[in-house]
Amino acid sequence: MKHNKIGSVMTQDVVRAEYGTPFKEVARMLADHRISGLPVVDEDDHVIGVVSEADLMTRQVLAAEPREPGRHFRALLTMTARRQAVKAKARTAGQLMSQPPVTVHADDTIVEAARTMAERQVERLPVIDEEDRLVGIVTRWDLLRVFLRPDDEIREEVIREVCVNALRVPPGSVTVSVAGGVVTLEGSLERRSDAEIAVSMARQIDGVVDVVDNLSHRIDDTDPRFDDGARQSVLDDWLHRA
């Protein structure tokens, strides 16, 4: 089963900053291009960090806060406070940026990128090549576009990749319907493990919102009490009666 790759949805013309890009220039780039963040690269185009609107706003807030010398000194003992102190005086993208950057590769799947975004709570991911150089950027919106796939297209992929290529079930033994991205599987399979595989694979197809499992099975081969001898006996009996 093939997932759409990040390279197919990323933006290749990336607005980027360098370590020494001035604060006001970063703000101008974000405003002019109507974006909420951008990667920071070194002289070899390796991504070294990411600057977001939140970083700029945090800098302004910290710079405006009055500080009591004693309290400030104690606060500097913590790692977070030290980073905030640097941002409060930041004049360049390198001083503003969040690091280390969270990145993905162009040949990663959309599912993998979405999982990374959710786990790391970021809105954009710089895309890098085999040499870790910047080749694009992908946003939450880019990933969400996969859910705009037509239902007919999703249904065809479920039938082709799950029923035909993976399970190799006879035509018509499993009925696949899709409405609003929700896949419904109906029919009867020989083994319970096949039914579980069908549902699991269908969930992984790009654009699938959910899977309704209406599949039945003849043999529960997932039951520990069902050994190989019993499994073969049931199968032989089914073939004899057929």
Protein backbone atom coordinates (compact mmCIF):
# COMPACT_ATOMS: atom_id res chain seq x y z
CA MET A 1 0.00 0.00 0.00
CA LYS A 2 1.46 3.34 -1.02
CA HIS A 3 0.93 6.50 1.00
CA ASN A 4 1.25 9.94 -0.49
CA LYS A 5 4.67 11.35 0.30
CA ILE A 6 5.45 14.71 1.84
CA GLY A 7 7.26 15.66 -1.34
CA SER A 8 3.94 15.62 -3.19
CA VAL A 9 2.26 18.23 -0.95
CA MET A 10 5.11 20.41 0.33
CA THR A 11 5.84 23.96 -0.79
CA GLN A 12 9.21 24.03 -2.54
CA ASP A 13 9.74 27.80 -2.71
CA VAL A 14 10.52 28.27 0.98
CA VAL A 15 10.80 31.64 2.68
CA ARG A 16 13.83 31.26 4.95
CA ALA A 17 16.09 33.27 7.21
CA GLU A 18 19.75 32.95 8.16
CA TYR A 19 21.18 33.11 11.66
CA GLY A 20 22.07 36.77 11.30
CA THR A 21 18.83 37.96 9.67
CA PRO A 22 17.69 41.01 11.70
CA PHE A 23 14.57 40.88 13.90
CA LYS A 24 12.69 43.44 11.82
CA GLU A 25 13.54 41.64 8.58
CA VAL A 26 12.10 38.40 10.00
CA ALA A 27 8.93 40.24 10.98
CA ARG A 28 8.72 41.79 7.50
CA MET A 29 9.08 38.40 5.78
CA LEU A 30 6.33 36.87 7.90
CA ALA A 31 4.03 39.81 7.17
CA ASP A 32 4.81 40.12 3.44
CA HIS A 33 4.33 36.40 2.76
CA ARG A 34 1.44 36.02 5.21
CA ILE A 35 3.02 33.08 6.97
CA SER A 36 3.25 32.29 10.67
CA GLY A 37 6.76 30.86 10.72
CA LEU A 38 9.89 30.10 8.72
CA PRO A 39 13.00 27.93 8.97
CA VAL A 40 16.44 29.29 9.81
CA VAL A 41 19.32 27.83 7.80
CA ASP A 42 23.11 27.92 7.90
CA GLU A 43 25.45 28.66 4.99
CA ASP A 44 24.97 25.12 3.64
CA ASP A 45 21.16 25.31 3.76
CA HIS A 46 20.96 22.96 6.76
CA VAL A 47 17.99 23.77 8.99
CA ILE A 48 19.19 24.94 12.40
CA GLY A 49 15.93 26.26 13.85
CA VAL A 50 12.48 27.71 13.24
CA VAL A 51 11.15 31.19 13.96
CA SER A 52 7.42 31.70 14.47
CA GLU A 53 5.14 34.62 15.20
CA ALA A 54 4.99 33.29 18.75
CA ASP A 55 8.77 33.68 19.08
CA LEU A 56 8.57 37.32 18.01
CA MET A 57 5.67 38.02 20.36
CA THR A 58 7.42 36.29 23.25
CA ARG A 59 10.49 38.42 22.65
CA GLN A 60 8.45 41.62 22.78
CA VAL A 61 6.61 40.57 25.93
CA LEU A 62 9.78 39.54 27.74
CA ALA A 63 11.60 42.70 26.70
CA ALA A 64 8.77 44.84 28.07
CA GLU A 65 8.49 43.08 31.45
CA PRO A 66 10.04 44.92 34.39
CA ARG A 67 12.57 42.81 36.28
CA GLU A 68 13.59 42.81 39.88
CA PRO A 69 17.35 42.10 40.11
CA GLY A 70 17.05 39.45 42.82
CA ARG A 71 14.14 37.63 41.19
CA HIS A 72 15.77 37.87 37.79
CA PHE A 73 19.02 36.36 39.08
CA ARG A 74 17.17 33.44 40.63
CA ALA A 75 15.16 32.90 37.46
CA LEU A 76 18.33 32.64 35.38
CA LEU A 77 19.17 29.46 37.26
CA THR A 78 16.57 27.58 35.19
CA MET A 79 17.16 26.52 31.58
CA THR A 80 13.83 27.93 30.42
CA ALA A 81 14.52 31.28 32.02
CA ARG A 82 17.97 31.44 30.42
CA ARG A 83 16.45 30.86 27.00
CA GLN A 84 13.84 33.53 27.70
CA ALA A 85 16.56 35.96 28.74
CA VAL A 86 18.31 35.45 25.40
CA LYS A 87 15.06 35.94 23.49
CA ALA A 88 14.29 39.11 25.44
CA LYS A 89 17.38 40.69 23.92
CA ALA A 90 17.21 38.92 20.56
CA ARG A 91 18.13 40.96 17.52
CA THR A 92 18.52 38.19 14.95
CA ALA A 93 16.70 35.11 13.71
CA GLY A 94 19.35 32.88 15.30
CA GLN A 95 18.70 34.37 18.72
CA LEU A 96 14.93 34.20 18.26
CA MET A 97 14.59 30.71 16.81
CA SER A 98 13.33 27.62 18.56
CA GLN A 99 15.78 24.73 18.39
CA PRO A 100 16.50 21.97 17.66
CA PRO A 101 14.16 22.09 14.67
CA VAL A 102 11.53 19.39 14.10
CA THR A 103 11.88 18.24 10.49
CA VAL A 104 10.68 15.56 8.07
CA HIS A 105 12.12 14.03 4.92
CA ALA A 106 10.54 14.43 1.50
CA ASP A 107 9.96 10.67 1.24
CA ASP A 108 8.17 10.44 4.61
CA THR A 109 4.45 9.75 4.38
CA ILE A 110 1.72 12.25 5.13
CA VAL A 111 0.60 10.03 8.00
CA GLU A 112 4.08 10.14 9.55
CA ALA A 113 4.26 13.92 9.20
CA ALA A 114 0.81 14.39 10.74
CA ARG A 115 1.82 12.19 13.67
CA THR A 116 5.00 14.25 14.17
CA MET A 117 3.04 17.50 14.11
CA ALA A 118 0.57 16.22 16.68
CA GLU A 119 3.21 14.78 18.99
CA ARG A 120 5.51 17.82 18.84
CA GLN A 121 2.65 20.35 18.73
CA VAL A 122 4.01 22.30 15.77
CA GLU A 123 2.17 23.91 12.86
CA ARG A 124 4.83 23.50 10.16
CA LEU A 125 7.68 21.16 9.35
CA PRO A 126 10.75 22.01 7.28
CA VAL A 127 11.34 19.26 4.72
CA ILE A 128 14.92 18.07 4.24
CA ASP A 129 16.68 15.80 1.73
CA GLU A 130 19.13 12.93 2.27
CA GLU A 131 21.87 15.42 3.17
CA ASP A 132 19.61 17.28 5.63
CA ARG A 133 19.35 20.32 3.37
CA LEU A 134 16.14 22.34 3.16
CA VAL A 135 14.01 21.39 0.13
CA GLY A 136 10.53 22.48 1.20
CA ILE A 137 8.08 23.13 3.99
CA VAL A 138 4.77 21.49 4.88
CA THR A 139 1.99 22.96 7.01
CA ARG A 140 -1.04 21.54 8.76
CA TRP A 141 -3.19 22.74 5.88
CA ASP A 142 -1.04 20.84 3.38
CA LEU A 143 -1.63 17.64 5.34
CA LEU A 144 -5.33 18.28 5.85
CA ARG A 145 -5.84 18.53 2.09
CA VAL A 146 -5.52 14.75 1.90
CA PHE A 147 -8.98 14.51 3.46
CA LEU A 148 -10.40 16.22 0.39
CA ARG A 149 -9.89 13.03 -1.65
CA PRO A 150 -13.11 11.93 -3.40
CA ASP A 151 -14.92 8.97 -1.83
CA ASP A 152 -14.79 7.04 -5.12
CA GLU A 153 -11.02 7.37 -5.23
CA ILE A 154 -10.68 6.13 -1.64
CA ARG A 155 -13.01 3.18 -2.36
CA GLU A 156 -10.98 2.13 -5.40
CA GLU A 157 -7.78 2.18 -3.36
CA VAL A 158 -9.30 0.12 -0.52
CA ILE A 159 -10.50 -2.52 -2.98
CA ARG A 160 -7.20 -2.59 -4.87
CA GLU A 161 -4.72 -2.41 -1.99
CA VAL A 162 -6.61 -4.23 0.78
CA CYS A 163 -8.95 -6.74 -0.85
CA VAL A 164 -7.03 -7.62 -4.01
CA ASN A 165 -3.32 -7.06 -3.32
CA ALA A 166 -3.11 -7.83 0.41
CA LEU A 167 -5.86 -10.34 1.23
CA ARG A 168 -6.44 -11.73 -2.28
CA VAL A 169 -10.08 -12.44 -1.45
CA PRO A 170 -12.56 -13.52 -4.15
CA PRO A 171 -14.38 -10.63 -5.86
CA GLY A 172 -17.57 -9.73 -4.05
CA SER A 173 -16.68 -11.42 -0.76
CA VAL A 174 -16.10 -7.99 0.79
CA THR A 175 -18.26 -4.98 -0.04
CA VAL A 176 -16.57 -1.61 0.30
CA SER A 177 -18.51 1.64 0.54
CA VAL A 178 -17.26 5.12 1.38
CA ALA A 179 -19.25 8.16 2.50
CA GLY A 180 -17.61 11.35 3.72
CA GLY A 181 -14.29 9.57 4.04
CA VAL A 182 -15.79 6.88 6.30
CA VAL A 183 -15.11 3.39 4.92
CA THR A 184 -17.58 0.58 5.62
CA LEU A 185 -16.41 -3.01 5.15
CA GLU A 186 -19.07 -5.71 4.91
CA GLY A 187 -18.85 -9.41 4.13
CA SER A 188 -17.36 -12.64 5.40
CA LEU A 189 -13.71 -13.68 5.55
CA GLU A 190 -12.26 -17.05 6.45
CA ARG A 191 -10.07 -15.89 9.36
CA ARG A 192 -10.53 -13.28 12.05
CA SER A 193 -6.95 -12.11 11.52
CA ASP A 194 -7.81 -11.28 7.88
CA ALA A 195 -10.70 -9.11 9.05
CA GLU A 196 -8.43 -7.28 11.50
CA ILE A 197 -5.83 -6.75 8.78
CA ALA A 198 -8.47 -5.37 6.42
CA VAL A 199 -9.66 -2.82 8.98
CA SER A 200 -6.13 -1.82 9.98
CA MET A 201 -4.98 -1.33 6.39
CA ALA A 202 -8.09 0.62 5.43
CA ARG A 203 -7.48 3.03 8.33
CA GLN A 204 -4.00 3.78 7.00
CA ILE A 205 -5.13 4.84 3.53
CA ASP A 206 -4.76 8.55 2.91
CA GLY A 207 -8.03 10.43 3.28
CA VAL A 208 -9.82 7.81 5.41
CA VAL A 209 -11.60 9.43 8.34
CA ASP A 210 -12.78 6.22 10.01
CA VAL A 211 -13.57 2.56 9.27
CA VAL A 212 -16.81 0.78 10.13
CA ASP A 213 -16.14 -2.92 10.64
CA ASN A 214 -19.10 -5.07 9.60
CA LEU A 215 -16.95 -8.06 8.68
CA SER A 216 -17.59 -11.59 9.96
CA HIS A 217 -15.25 -14.60 9.99
CA ARG A 218 -15.44 -18.39 10.11
CA ILE A 219 -12.28 -19.13 12.08
CA ASP A 220 -10.99 -17.23 15.10
CA ASP A 221 -7.30 -17.87 14.51
CA THR A 222 -6.40 -15.22 17.11
CA ASP A 223 -7.68 -17.42 19.97
CA PRO A 224 -4.68 -18.95 21.80
CA ARG A 225 -6.69 -22.15 22.28
CA PHE A 226 -6.99 -22.51 18.52
CA ASP A 227 -3.77 -24.40 17.65
CA ASP A 228 -2.51 -25.30 14.20
CA GLY A 229 -4.06 -28.77 14.31
CA ALA A 230 -7.50 -27.43 15.13
CA ARG A 231 -7.15 -24.73 12.49
CA GLN A 232 -6.30 -27.31 9.81
CA SER A 233 -9.17 -29.54 10.93
CA VAL A 234 -11.70 -26.73 10.58
CA LEU A 235 -10.27 -25.75 7.21
CA ASP A 236 -10.39 -29.34 5.92
CA ASP A 237 -13.98 -29.66 7.10
CA TRP A 238 -14.96 -26.43 5.35
CA LEU A 239 -13.28 -27.54 2.11
CA HIS A 240 -14.98 -30.95 2.27
CA ARG A 241 -18.44 -29.43 2.71
CA ALA A 242 -17.76 -26.88 -0.02
